[in-house]
């Protein structure tokens, strides 16, 4: 693993994200910190599974580079790939590793990538890392704050939580993740999410006077 590549990629990402000074600093902080968490998850998967440890960590770190550049949310993976392509040429990477990183980034949102590039497991791993972070404690807190301000009645909030629990239980039953390590991380996050929402539902049901 080339740490100089990673340091340069980190600085490249941070400088770009924080150049959007017109955006809310909380949004900028979240996107930067999310990228770091996804990167750390990528390192964890590399340590446990047979992934290219030059490709996956860099793809994780740069996967949302173009998040604020894309006109449509669904396109931000492909926009990110296009923007980071010139930068990757400056790093100590083989041409194949560069293309692999671009492929992972381009398809991480909707599994769509221009061209006919052969699929690689690192792309599935990046998607797993991205989704694992979105199920974690940080997102639980963020979602709670958003829903408390958006749902104006307890019945409406309760309905939302019941819906979420049904989805969480379905994901636990079906299992998620491309690798054994990812499956375990998904299970850990989903178990936390389930426990929190069950407790929240319990407290909502106590918020009555009879």
N, C-alpha and C. Protein backbone atom coordinates (compact mmCIF):
# COMPACT_ATOMS: atom_id res chain seq x y z
N UNK A 1 0.85 -1.19 0.00
CA UNK A 1 0.00 0.00 0.00
C UNK A 1 0.89 1.25 0.00
N UNK A 2 0.70 2.08 -1.00
CA UNK A 2 1.54 3.27 -1.15
C UNK A 2 0.93 4.43 -0.35
N UNK A 3 1.53 4.72 0.81
CA UNK A 3 0.97 5.75 1.68
C UNK A 3 1.11 7.15 1.09
N UNK A 4 2.10 7.35 0.24
CA UNK A 4 2.24 8.65 -0.42
C UNK A 4 1.07 8.89 -1.36
N UNK A 5 0.64 7.86 -2.07
CA UNK A 5 -0.57 7.97 -2.91
C UNK A 5 -1.77 8.37 -2.07
N UNK A 6 -1.92 7.73 -0.93
CA UNK A 6 -3.08 8.00 -0.07
C UNK A 6 -3.04 9.42 0.48
N UNK A 7 -1.86 9.86 0.90
CA UNK A 7 -1.75 11.23 1.43
C UNK A 7 -2.11 12.25 0.36
N UNK A 8 -1.59 12.05 -0.84
CA UNK A 8 -1.89 12.98 -1.93
C UNK A 8 -3.38 12.96 -2.26
N UNK A 9 -3.98 11.78 -2.26
CA UNK A 9 -5.41 11.67 -2.57
C UNK A 9 -6.26 12.34 -1.49
N UNK A 10 -5.85 12.19 -0.24
CA UNK A 10 -6.58 12.85 0.85
C UNK A 10 -6.55 14.36 0.67
N UNK A 11 -5.38 14.91 0.41
CA UNK A 11 -5.25 16.36 0.25
C UNK A 11 -6.04 16.84 -0.97
N UNK A 12 -6.00 16.07 -2.04
CA UNK A 12 -6.72 16.37 -3.27
C UNK A 12 -8.23 16.42 -3.00
N UNK A 13 -8.72 15.45 -2.26
CA UNK A 13 -10.15 15.40 -1.91
C UNK A 13 -10.55 16.56 -1.02
N UNK A 14 -9.82 16.77 0.05
CA UNK A 14 -10.19 17.80 1.03
C UNK A 14 -10.19 19.19 0.41
N UNK A 15 -9.18 19.48 -0.37
CA UNK A 15 -9.10 20.80 -1.03
C UNK A 15 -10.30 21.03 -1.93
N UNK A 16 -10.69 20.00 -2.68
CA UNK A 16 -11.81 20.16 -3.61
C UNK A 16 -13.13 20.32 -2.87
N UNK A 17 -13.40 19.46 -1.90
CA UNK A 17 -14.68 19.52 -1.20
C UNK A 17 -14.86 20.87 -0.51
N UNK A 18 -13.82 21.36 0.14
CA UNK A 18 -13.95 22.61 0.89
C UNK A 18 -13.81 23.84 0.01
N UNK A 19 -13.67 23.63 -1.30
CA UNK A 19 -13.69 24.78 -2.22
C UNK A 19 -15.12 25.27 -2.48
N UNK A 20 -16.12 24.47 -2.09
CA UNK A 20 -17.52 24.84 -2.27
C UNK A 20 -17.96 25.69 -1.08
N UNK A 21 -17.41 26.88 -0.98
CA UNK A 21 -17.63 27.73 0.19
C UNK A 21 -19.07 28.22 0.30
N UNK A 22 -19.82 28.16 -0.81
CA UNK A 22 -21.20 28.62 -0.78
C UNK A 22 -22.12 27.61 -0.10
N UNK A 23 -21.65 26.40 0.12
CA UNK A 23 -22.47 25.36 0.73
C UNK A 23 -22.35 25.40 2.25
N UNK A 24 -23.33 24.82 2.91
CA UNK A 24 -23.34 24.74 4.37
C UNK A 24 -22.11 23.95 4.85
N UNK A 25 -21.41 24.49 5.83
CA UNK A 25 -20.21 23.83 6.34
C UNK A 25 -20.53 22.45 6.89
N UNK A 26 -21.76 22.26 7.40
CA UNK A 26 -22.14 20.95 7.91
C UNK A 26 -22.20 19.92 6.79
N UNK A 27 -22.67 20.33 5.62
CA UNK A 27 -22.71 19.43 4.46
C UNK A 27 -21.29 19.09 4.00
N UNK A 28 -20.43 20.08 4.00
CA UNK A 28 -19.04 19.85 3.60
C UNK A 28 -18.35 18.91 4.59
N UNK A 29 -18.55 19.17 5.88
CA UNK A 29 -17.94 18.31 6.90
C UNK A 29 -18.44 16.88 6.78
N UNK A 30 -19.75 16.73 6.58
CA UNK A 30 -20.29 15.37 6.50
C UNK A 30 -19.69 14.63 5.32
N UNK A 31 -19.62 15.26 4.15
CA UNK A 31 -19.12 14.56 2.96
C UNK A 31 -17.65 14.17 3.13
N UNK A 32 -16.86 15.07 3.71
CA UNK A 32 -15.45 14.78 3.95
C UNK A 32 -15.30 13.64 4.96
N UNK A 33 -16.03 13.74 6.06
CA UNK A 33 -15.91 12.73 7.11
C UNK A 33 -16.47 11.38 6.67
N UNK A 34 -17.55 11.41 5.88
CA UNK A 34 -18.09 10.17 5.30
C UNK A 34 -17.02 9.50 4.43
N UNK A 35 -16.33 10.28 3.63
CA UNK A 35 -15.28 9.74 2.76
C UNK A 35 -14.17 9.08 3.59
N UNK A 36 -13.82 9.70 4.71
CA UNK A 36 -12.80 9.12 5.58
C UNK A 36 -13.27 7.81 6.20
N UNK A 37 -14.55 7.76 6.61
CA UNK A 37 -15.07 6.53 7.21
C UNK A 37 -15.13 5.40 6.17
N UNK A 38 -15.56 5.73 4.96
CA UNK A 38 -15.60 4.73 3.89
C UNK A 38 -14.19 4.23 3.59
N UNK A 39 -13.23 5.14 3.60
CA UNK A 39 -11.82 4.77 3.40
C UNK A 39 -11.35 3.81 4.50
N UNK A 40 -11.68 4.11 5.75
CA UNK A 40 -11.27 3.24 6.85
C UNK A 40 -11.91 1.86 6.73
N UNK A 41 -13.16 1.82 6.29
CA UNK A 41 -13.81 0.53 6.06
C UNK A 41 -13.12 -0.22 4.94
N UNK A 42 -12.68 0.51 3.92
CA UNK A 42 -11.94 -0.12 2.83
C UNK A 42 -10.64 -0.75 3.32
N UNK A 43 -9.94 -0.07 4.21
CA UNK A 43 -8.72 -0.63 4.80
C UNK A 43 -9.04 -1.91 5.57
N UNK A 44 -10.15 -1.88 6.29
CA UNK A 44 -10.55 -3.05 7.07
C UNK A 44 -10.84 -4.24 6.16
N UNK A 45 -11.53 -3.99 5.06
CA UNK A 45 -11.82 -5.08 4.12
C UNK A 45 -10.53 -5.60 3.48
N UNK A 46 -9.62 -4.69 3.14
CA UNK A 46 -8.34 -5.11 2.55
C UNK A 46 -7.55 -6.00 3.51
N UNK A 47 -7.63 -5.71 4.79
CA UNK A 47 -6.90 -6.49 5.78
C UNK A 47 -7.49 -7.89 5.95
N UNK A 48 -8.79 -8.02 5.65
CA UNK A 48 -9.47 -9.29 5.88
C UNK A 48 -9.68 -10.11 4.61
N UNK A 49 -9.68 -9.45 3.47
CA UNK A 49 -10.02 -10.13 2.21
C UNK A 49 -8.95 -9.86 1.15
N UNK A 50 -9.03 -10.57 0.05
CA UNK A 50 -8.02 -10.47 -1.02
C UNK A 50 -8.37 -9.39 -2.03
N UNK A 51 -8.40 -8.13 -1.57
CA UNK A 51 -8.64 -7.00 -2.46
C UNK A 51 -7.31 -6.32 -2.78
N UNK A 52 -7.26 -5.64 -3.91
CA UNK A 52 -6.09 -4.85 -4.27
C UNK A 52 -5.99 -3.66 -3.32
N UNK A 53 -4.95 -3.64 -2.49
CA UNK A 53 -4.86 -2.59 -1.47
C UNK A 53 -4.32 -1.27 -2.01
N UNK A 54 -4.09 -1.19 -3.30
CA UNK A 54 -3.85 0.11 -3.94
C UNK A 54 -5.15 0.65 -4.52
N UNK A 55 -6.00 -0.24 -5.00
CA UNK A 55 -7.23 0.17 -5.68
C UNK A 55 -8.34 0.53 -4.70
N UNK A 56 -8.68 -0.38 -3.79
CA UNK A 56 -9.86 -0.17 -2.95
C UNK A 56 -9.73 1.05 -2.03
N UNK A 57 -8.63 1.25 -1.29
CA UNK A 57 -8.56 2.43 -0.42
C UNK A 57 -8.67 3.75 -1.18
N UNK A 58 -8.03 3.84 -2.34
CA UNK A 58 -8.11 5.08 -3.12
C UNK A 58 -9.51 5.29 -3.68
N UNK A 59 -10.14 4.21 -4.13
CA UNK A 59 -11.51 4.32 -4.64
C UNK A 59 -12.45 4.77 -3.52
N UNK A 60 -12.26 4.22 -2.33
CA UNK A 60 -13.10 4.61 -1.19
C UNK A 60 -12.90 6.09 -0.84
N UNK A 61 -11.66 6.51 -0.81
CA UNK A 61 -11.35 7.88 -0.41
C UNK A 61 -11.92 8.90 -1.40
N UNK A 62 -11.90 8.57 -2.69
CA UNK A 62 -12.27 9.53 -3.74
C UNK A 62 -13.66 9.29 -4.32
N UNK A 63 -14.42 8.35 -3.76
CA UNK A 63 -15.67 7.94 -4.41
C UNK A 63 -16.69 9.07 -4.53
N UNK A 64 -16.68 10.03 -3.62
CA UNK A 64 -17.63 11.15 -3.66
C UNK A 64 -16.96 12.47 -4.03
N UNK A 65 -15.83 12.40 -4.70
CA UNK A 65 -15.09 13.62 -5.05
C UNK A 65 -15.98 14.61 -5.79
N UNK A 66 -16.81 14.15 -6.70
CA UNK A 66 -17.65 15.03 -7.50
C UNK A 66 -19.07 15.17 -6.99
N UNK A 67 -19.28 14.88 -5.72
CA UNK A 67 -20.63 14.93 -5.14
C UNK A 67 -21.29 16.29 -5.36
N UNK A 68 -20.56 17.36 -5.17
CA UNK A 68 -21.13 18.70 -5.30
C UNK A 68 -21.01 19.26 -6.71
N UNK A 69 -20.34 18.53 -7.59
CA UNK A 69 -20.20 18.96 -8.98
C UNK A 69 -21.34 18.43 -9.86
N UNK A 70 -21.88 17.29 -9.47
CA UNK A 70 -22.89 16.62 -10.30
C UNK A 70 -24.22 17.37 -10.27
N UNK A 71 -24.84 17.52 -11.42
CA UNK A 71 -26.15 18.16 -11.49
C UNK A 71 -27.24 17.24 -10.95
N UNK A 72 -27.07 15.93 -11.13
CA UNK A 72 -28.02 14.96 -10.63
C UNK A 72 -27.31 14.02 -9.66
N UNK A 73 -27.98 13.74 -8.54
CA UNK A 73 -27.41 12.87 -7.52
C UNK A 73 -26.98 11.52 -8.09
N UNK A 74 -27.79 10.95 -8.95
CA UNK A 74 -27.51 9.62 -9.47
C UNK A 74 -26.24 9.58 -10.32
N UNK A 75 -25.81 10.73 -10.80
CA UNK A 75 -24.63 10.79 -11.68
C UNK A 75 -23.33 11.07 -10.95
N UNK A 76 -23.37 11.25 -9.63
CA UNK A 76 -22.16 11.76 -8.98
C UNK A 76 -21.00 10.76 -8.99
N UNK A 77 -21.28 9.47 -9.12
CA UNK A 77 -20.19 8.51 -9.24
C UNK A 77 -19.43 8.69 -10.55
N UNK A 78 -20.16 8.81 -11.63
CA UNK A 78 -19.52 8.99 -12.94
C UNK A 78 -18.83 10.35 -13.04
N UNK A 79 -19.45 11.38 -12.45
CA UNK A 79 -18.81 12.70 -12.43
C UNK A 79 -17.52 12.65 -11.61
N UNK A 80 -17.57 11.98 -10.48
CA UNK A 80 -16.37 11.85 -9.65
C UNK A 80 -15.25 11.16 -10.41
N UNK A 81 -15.58 10.09 -11.11
CA UNK A 81 -14.56 9.36 -11.87
C UNK A 81 -13.91 10.24 -12.93
N UNK A 82 -14.74 11.00 -13.63
CA UNK A 82 -14.20 11.87 -14.68
C UNK A 82 -13.27 12.93 -14.10
N UNK A 83 -13.62 13.45 -12.93
CA UNK A 83 -12.82 14.51 -12.32
C UNK A 83 -11.50 14.00 -11.75
N UNK A 84 -11.48 12.79 -11.24
CA UNK A 84 -10.25 12.29 -10.61
C UNK A 84 -9.32 11.61 -11.61
N UNK A 85 -9.80 11.35 -12.81
CA UNK A 85 -8.96 10.64 -13.79
C UNK A 85 -7.60 11.30 -14.03
N UNK A 86 -7.54 12.62 -14.28
CA UNK A 86 -6.21 13.24 -14.48
C UNK A 86 -5.32 13.12 -13.25
N UNK A 87 -5.91 13.23 -12.07
CA UNK A 87 -5.13 13.15 -10.83
C UNK A 87 -4.49 11.77 -10.67
N UNK A 88 -5.23 10.72 -10.97
CA UNK A 88 -4.70 9.37 -10.79
C UNK A 88 -3.45 9.13 -11.62
N UNK A 89 -3.34 9.82 -12.74
CA UNK A 89 -2.17 9.66 -13.60
C UNK A 89 -0.89 10.18 -12.93
N UNK A 90 -1.05 11.01 -11.89
CA UNK A 90 0.12 11.56 -11.19
C UNK A 90 0.61 10.65 -10.07
N UNK A 91 -0.15 9.59 -9.77
CA UNK A 91 0.20 8.71 -8.67
C UNK A 91 0.99 7.50 -9.16
N UNK A 92 1.62 6.83 -8.21
CA UNK A 92 2.39 5.61 -8.51
C UNK A 92 1.43 4.43 -8.63
N UNK A 93 0.75 4.36 -9.77
CA UNK A 93 -0.23 3.32 -10.04
C UNK A 93 -0.02 2.79 -11.45
N UNK A 94 -0.32 1.51 -11.63
CA UNK A 94 -0.30 0.96 -12.98
C UNK A 94 -1.53 1.49 -13.74
N UNK A 95 -1.49 1.37 -15.05
CA UNK A 95 -2.63 1.82 -15.85
C UNK A 95 -3.88 1.03 -15.49
N UNK A 96 -3.73 -0.27 -15.24
CA UNK A 96 -4.88 -1.09 -14.86
C UNK A 96 -5.45 -0.64 -13.52
N UNK A 97 -4.58 -0.35 -12.56
CA UNK A 97 -5.06 0.12 -11.25
C UNK A 97 -5.83 1.43 -11.39
N UNK A 98 -5.34 2.33 -12.22
CA UNK A 98 -6.06 3.58 -12.47
C UNK A 98 -7.46 3.30 -13.02
N UNK A 99 -7.53 2.42 -14.02
CA UNK A 99 -8.82 2.11 -14.63
C UNK A 99 -9.74 1.40 -13.63
N UNK A 100 -9.16 0.53 -12.80
CA UNK A 100 -9.97 -0.16 -11.79
C UNK A 100 -10.58 0.83 -10.80
N UNK A 101 -9.78 1.79 -10.36
CA UNK A 101 -10.28 2.81 -9.42
C UNK A 101 -11.40 3.61 -10.06
N UNK A 102 -11.20 4.02 -11.29
CA UNK A 102 -12.23 4.80 -11.99
C UNK A 102 -13.51 4.00 -12.16
N UNK A 103 -13.38 2.72 -12.46
CA UNK A 103 -14.55 1.86 -12.61
C UNK A 103 -15.32 1.76 -11.29
N UNK A 104 -14.60 1.52 -10.21
CA UNK A 104 -15.25 1.42 -8.89
C UNK A 104 -16.02 2.70 -8.56
N UNK A 105 -15.38 3.83 -8.76
CA UNK A 105 -16.00 5.12 -8.43
C UNK A 105 -17.20 5.37 -9.32
N UNK A 106 -17.06 5.13 -10.62
CA UNK A 106 -18.11 5.46 -11.58
C UNK A 106 -19.40 4.71 -11.30
N UNK A 107 -19.31 3.45 -10.86
CA UNK A 107 -20.51 2.63 -10.75
C UNK A 107 -21.04 2.50 -9.32
N UNK A 108 -20.45 3.21 -8.35
CA UNK A 108 -20.82 2.93 -6.96
C UNK A 108 -22.21 3.40 -6.59
N UNK A 109 -22.82 4.26 -7.39
CA UNK A 109 -24.16 4.76 -7.05
C UNK A 109 -25.25 3.85 -7.59
N UNK A 110 -25.17 3.53 -8.88
CA UNK A 110 -26.27 2.79 -9.52
C UNK A 110 -25.81 1.60 -10.36
N UNK A 111 -24.58 1.16 -10.13
CA UNK A 111 -24.03 0.00 -10.85
C UNK A 111 -23.96 0.21 -12.35
N UNK A 112 -23.90 1.46 -12.79
CA UNK A 112 -23.81 1.76 -14.21
C UNK A 112 -22.49 2.47 -14.49
N UNK A 113 -21.77 1.94 -15.49
CA UNK A 113 -20.49 2.53 -15.87
C UNK A 113 -20.39 2.57 -17.39
N UNK A 114 -20.01 3.71 -17.96
CA UNK A 114 -19.87 3.78 -19.41
C UNK A 114 -18.84 2.76 -19.92
N UNK A 115 -19.09 2.23 -21.10
CA UNK A 115 -18.15 1.28 -21.67
C UNK A 115 -18.44 -0.15 -21.25
N UNK A 116 -17.50 -1.02 -21.53
CA UNK A 116 -17.68 -2.45 -21.28
C UNK A 116 -16.51 -2.98 -20.45
N UNK A 117 -16.26 -2.33 -19.31
CA UNK A 117 -15.13 -2.71 -18.47
C UNK A 117 -15.47 -3.97 -17.69
N UNK A 118 -14.56 -4.94 -17.60
CA UNK A 118 -14.85 -6.17 -16.85
C UNK A 118 -15.06 -5.87 -15.36
N UNK A 119 -16.07 -6.51 -14.80
CA UNK A 119 -16.41 -6.24 -13.40
C UNK A 119 -15.31 -6.76 -12.47
N UNK A 120 -15.06 -6.00 -11.40
CA UNK A 120 -14.06 -6.40 -10.40
C UNK A 120 -14.69 -6.37 -9.02
N UNK A 121 -14.19 -7.20 -8.12
CA UNK A 121 -14.75 -7.32 -6.77
C UNK A 121 -14.57 -6.04 -5.97
N UNK A 122 -13.53 -5.29 -6.27
CA UNK A 122 -13.31 -4.04 -5.54
C UNK A 122 -14.49 -3.08 -5.70
N UNK A 123 -15.19 -3.15 -6.84
CA UNK A 123 -16.36 -2.29 -7.03
C UNK A 123 -17.47 -2.67 -6.06
N UNK A 124 -17.68 -3.97 -5.86
CA UNK A 124 -18.67 -4.42 -4.88
C UNK A 124 -18.25 -4.02 -3.47
N UNK A 125 -16.95 -4.10 -3.21
CA UNK A 125 -16.45 -3.75 -1.89
C UNK A 125 -16.64 -2.27 -1.59
N UNK A 126 -16.40 -1.41 -2.58
CA UNK A 126 -16.64 0.03 -2.38
C UNK A 126 -18.10 0.29 -2.08
N UNK A 127 -19.00 -0.32 -2.83
CA UNK A 127 -20.43 -0.13 -2.57
C UNK A 127 -20.78 -0.60 -1.17
N UNK A 128 -20.19 -1.72 -0.75
CA UNK A 128 -20.43 -2.22 0.61
C UNK A 128 -19.96 -1.20 1.65
N UNK A 129 -18.75 -0.69 1.49
CA UNK A 129 -18.22 0.28 2.46
C UNK A 129 -19.10 1.52 2.54
N UNK A 130 -19.54 2.00 1.39
CA UNK A 130 -20.40 3.18 1.33
C UNK A 130 -21.70 2.92 2.09
N UNK A 131 -22.31 1.78 1.85
CA UNK A 131 -23.59 1.46 2.48
C UNK A 131 -23.45 1.12 3.95
N UNK A 132 -22.37 0.47 4.32
CA UNK A 132 -22.14 0.17 5.73
C UNK A 132 -22.08 1.46 6.54
N UNK A 133 -21.37 2.46 6.02
CA UNK A 133 -21.29 3.73 6.75
C UNK A 133 -22.66 4.38 6.88
N UNK A 134 -23.49 4.25 5.86
CA UNK A 134 -24.80 4.89 5.88
C UNK A 134 -25.75 4.23 6.87
N UNK A 135 -25.37 3.08 7.40
CA UNK A 135 -26.21 2.40 8.38
C UNK A 135 -25.71 2.59 9.81
N UNK A 136 -24.65 3.37 9.98
CA UNK A 136 -23.99 3.47 11.27
C UNK A 136 -24.58 4.49 12.23
N UNK A 137 -23.93 4.63 13.37
CA UNK A 137 -24.42 5.49 14.45
C UNK A 137 -24.52 6.95 14.03
N UNK A 138 -23.58 7.40 13.21
CA UNK A 138 -23.62 8.80 12.76
C UNK A 138 -24.89 9.07 11.99
N UNK A 139 -25.23 8.16 11.06
CA UNK A 139 -26.43 8.36 10.25
C UNK A 139 -27.70 8.18 11.09
N UNK A 140 -27.66 7.32 12.10
CA UNK A 140 -28.81 7.19 13.00
C UNK A 140 -29.11 8.53 13.65
N UNK A 141 -28.07 9.19 14.16
CA UNK A 141 -28.25 10.49 14.82
C UNK A 141 -28.75 11.53 13.83
N UNK A 142 -28.15 11.56 12.65
CA UNK A 142 -28.53 12.54 11.63
C UNK A 142 -29.98 12.33 11.20
N UNK A 143 -30.37 11.08 11.00
CA UNK A 143 -31.74 10.76 10.58
C UNK A 143 -32.75 11.15 11.65
N UNK A 144 -32.40 10.89 12.92
CA UNK A 144 -33.31 11.23 14.01
C UNK A 144 -33.56 12.74 14.05
N UNK A 145 -32.51 13.52 13.94
CA UNK A 145 -32.67 14.98 13.98
C UNK A 145 -33.51 15.47 12.81
N UNK A 146 -33.28 14.90 11.63
CA UNK A 146 -34.05 15.29 10.44
C UNK A 146 -35.52 14.92 10.61
N UNK A 147 -35.79 13.72 11.06
CA UNK A 147 -37.18 13.27 11.16
C UNK A 147 -37.94 13.97 12.28
N UNK A 148 -37.26 14.32 13.35
CA UNK A 148 -37.93 15.05 14.42
C UNK A 148 -38.38 16.43 13.96
N UNK A 149 -37.66 17.01 13.02
CA UNK A 149 -38.04 18.33 12.51
C UNK A 149 -38.99 18.23 11.32
N UNK A 150 -39.04 17.06 10.67
CA UNK A 150 -39.85 16.92 9.46
C UNK A 150 -41.23 16.35 9.73
N UNK A 151 -41.32 15.41 10.66
CA UNK A 151 -42.61 14.79 10.97
C UNK A 151 -43.25 15.55 12.13
N UNK A 152 -44.40 16.13 11.86
CA UNK A 152 -45.02 17.05 12.82
C UNK A 152 -45.92 16.37 13.83
N UNK A 153 -46.06 15.06 13.74
CA UNK A 153 -46.90 14.34 14.70
C UNK A 153 -46.24 13.02 15.06
N UNK A 154 -46.51 12.54 16.27
CA UNK A 154 -45.97 11.26 16.70
C UNK A 154 -46.48 10.10 15.85
N UNK A 155 -47.78 10.09 15.48
CA UNK A 155 -48.25 9.00 14.62
C UNK A 155 -47.48 8.91 13.30
N UNK A 156 -47.18 10.06 12.71
CA UNK A 156 -46.44 10.06 11.45
C UNK A 156 -45.01 9.55 11.66
N UNK A 157 -44.38 9.97 12.75
CA UNK A 157 -43.03 9.50 13.06
C UNK A 157 -43.05 8.00 13.35
N UNK A 158 -44.06 7.56 14.08
CA UNK A 158 -44.18 6.14 14.40
C UNK A 158 -44.31 5.30 13.13
N UNK A 159 -45.11 5.77 12.20
CA UNK A 159 -45.29 5.05 10.94
C UNK A 159 -43.96 4.92 10.19
N UNK A 160 -43.19 5.98 10.22
CA UNK A 160 -41.89 5.97 9.56
C UNK A 160 -40.96 4.94 10.20
N UNK A 161 -40.96 4.87 11.52
CA UNK A 161 -40.08 3.94 12.22
C UNK A 161 -40.50 2.49 11.97
N UNK A 162 -41.80 2.25 11.95
CA UNK A 162 -42.30 0.90 11.64
C UNK A 162 -41.85 0.48 10.24
N UNK A 163 -41.95 1.41 9.31
CA UNK A 163 -41.49 1.15 7.94
C UNK A 163 -40.00 0.82 7.91
N UNK A 164 -39.21 1.59 8.66
CA UNK A 164 -37.76 1.37 8.68
C UNK A 164 -37.43 0.01 9.29
N UNK A 165 -38.10 -0.33 10.37
CA UNK A 165 -37.84 -1.62 11.02
C UNK A 165 -38.15 -2.79 10.09
N UNK A 166 -39.20 -2.65 9.30
CA UNK A 166 -39.52 -3.72 8.34
C UNK A 166 -38.39 -3.90 7.34
N UNK A 167 -37.82 -2.78 6.88
CA UNK A 167 -36.70 -2.85 5.94
C UNK A 167 -35.45 -3.43 6.59
N UNK A 168 -35.20 -3.02 7.82
CA UNK A 168 -34.02 -3.53 8.53
C UNK A 168 -34.13 -5.04 8.74
N UNK A 169 -35.31 -5.49 9.16
CA UNK A 169 -35.51 -6.93 9.36
C UNK A 169 -35.36 -7.71 8.05
N UNK A 170 -35.84 -7.13 6.97
CA UNK A 170 -35.68 -7.78 5.66
C UNK A 170 -34.20 -7.90 5.30
N UNK A 171 -33.44 -6.83 5.51
CA UNK A 171 -32.02 -6.86 5.18
C UNK A 171 -31.26 -7.86 6.06
N UNK A 172 -31.65 -7.95 7.32
CA UNK A 172 -31.02 -8.93 8.21
C UNK A 172 -31.34 -10.35 7.76
N UNK A 173 -32.57 -10.58 7.34
CA UNK A 173 -32.96 -11.92 6.89
C UNK A 173 -32.25 -12.30 5.59
N UNK A 174 -32.15 -11.36 4.68
CA UNK A 174 -31.55 -11.64 3.37
C UNK A 174 -30.03 -11.67 3.43
N UNK A 175 -29.45 -10.91 4.35
CA UNK A 175 -28.00 -10.78 4.42
C UNK A 175 -27.50 -9.79 3.38
N UNK A 176 -26.47 -9.07 3.71
CA UNK A 176 -25.88 -8.08 2.81
C UNK A 176 -24.37 -8.22 2.82
N UNK A 177 -23.74 -7.82 1.73
CA UNK A 177 -22.28 -7.82 1.67
C UNK A 177 -21.72 -8.82 0.69
N UNK A 178 -20.64 -8.42 0.02
CA UNK A 178 -20.00 -9.27 -0.99
C UNK A 178 -19.02 -10.25 -0.38
N UNK A 179 -18.44 -9.89 0.76
CA UNK A 179 -17.41 -10.72 1.39
C UNK A 179 -17.82 -11.07 2.81
N UNK A 180 -17.13 -12.02 3.41
CA UNK A 180 -17.43 -12.42 4.78
C UNK A 180 -17.28 -11.24 5.74
N UNK A 181 -16.22 -10.46 5.56
CA UNK A 181 -15.99 -9.30 6.43
C UNK A 181 -17.10 -8.27 6.27
N UNK A 182 -17.49 -7.99 5.03
CA UNK A 182 -18.56 -7.02 4.80
C UNK A 182 -19.88 -7.52 5.37
N UNK A 183 -20.15 -8.80 5.23
CA UNK A 183 -21.39 -9.37 5.78
C UNK A 183 -21.45 -9.15 7.28
N UNK A 184 -20.33 -9.35 7.96
CA UNK A 184 -20.29 -9.17 9.41
C UNK A 184 -20.48 -7.70 9.80
N UNK A 185 -19.86 -6.80 9.04
CA UNK A 185 -20.00 -5.37 9.32
C UNK A 185 -21.43 -4.90 9.08
N UNK A 186 -22.05 -5.39 8.01
CA UNK A 186 -23.45 -5.05 7.76
C UNK A 186 -24.33 -5.55 8.91
N UNK A 187 -24.10 -6.77 9.33
CA UNK A 187 -24.91 -7.34 10.41
C UNK A 187 -24.77 -6.52 11.69
N UNK A 188 -23.56 -6.10 11.98
CA UNK A 188 -23.30 -5.28 13.17
C UNK A 188 -24.06 -3.95 13.11
N UNK A 189 -24.01 -3.28 11.95
CA UNK A 189 -24.68 -2.00 11.80
C UNK A 189 -26.20 -2.16 11.83
N UNK A 190 -26.70 -3.18 11.14
CA UNK A 190 -28.15 -3.40 11.09
C UNK A 190 -28.70 -3.78 12.46
N UNK A 191 -27.93 -4.53 13.22
CA UNK A 191 -28.37 -4.91 14.57
C UNK A 191 -28.47 -3.67 15.46
N UNK A 192 -27.50 -2.77 15.34
CA UNK A 192 -27.55 -1.50 16.07
C UNK A 192 -28.75 -0.67 15.64
N UNK A 193 -28.97 -0.57 14.33
CA UNK A 193 -30.08 0.21 13.80
C UNK A 193 -31.42 -0.36 14.26
N UNK A 194 -31.53 -1.67 14.27
CA UNK A 194 -32.76 -2.31 14.73
C UNK A 194 -33.01 -2.04 16.21
N UNK A 195 -31.99 -2.21 17.03
CA UNK A 195 -32.15 -1.99 18.47
C UNK A 195 -32.55 -0.56 18.77
N UNK A 196 -31.92 0.39 18.08
CA UNK A 196 -32.24 1.80 18.32
C UNK A 196 -33.68 2.11 17.95
N UNK A 197 -34.11 1.66 16.79
CA UNK A 197 -35.47 1.97 16.33
C UNK A 197 -36.53 1.24 17.14
N UNK A 198 -36.23 0.05 17.61
CA UNK A 198 -37.17 -0.65 18.49
C UNK A 198 -37.33 0.10 19.80
N UNK A 199 -36.23 0.60 20.34
CA UNK A 199 -36.30 1.38 21.58
C UNK A 199 -37.02 2.71 21.36
N UNK A 200 -36.77 3.34 20.22
CA UNK A 200 -37.45 4.59 19.90
C UNK A 200 -38.95 4.36 19.76
N UNK A 201 -39.33 3.28 19.11
CA UNK A 201 -40.75 2.95 18.96
C UNK A 201 -41.39 2.70 20.32
N UNK A 202 -40.67 2.03 21.18
CA UNK A 202 -41.16 1.76 22.53
C UNK A 202 -41.42 3.06 23.30
N UNK A 203 -40.52 4.02 23.15
CA UNK A 203 -40.69 5.29 23.86
C UNK A 203 -41.81 6.14 23.26
N UNK A 204 -41.97 6.07 21.95
CA UNK A 204 -43.09 6.79 21.32
C UNK A 204 -44.41 6.24 21.84
N UNK A 205 -44.49 4.93 21.98
CA UNK A 205 -45.73 4.31 22.47
C UNK A 205 -46.00 4.63 23.93
N UNK A 206 -44.98 5.08 24.65
CA UNK A 206 -45.17 5.50 26.05
C UNK A 206 -45.56 6.97 26.15
N UNK A 207 -45.49 7.69 25.03
CA UNK A 207 -45.75 9.13 25.04
C UNK A 207 -47.25 9.42 24.92
N UNK A 208 -48.01 8.84 25.83
CA UNK A 208 -49.47 9.02 25.81
C UNK A 208 -49.95 9.23 27.25
N UNK A 209 -51.16 9.79 27.36
CA UNK A 209 -51.79 9.91 28.67
C UNK A 209 -53.15 9.22 28.59
N UNK A 210 -53.31 8.17 29.36
CA UNK A 210 -54.58 7.44 29.34
C UNK A 210 -55.08 7.25 30.76
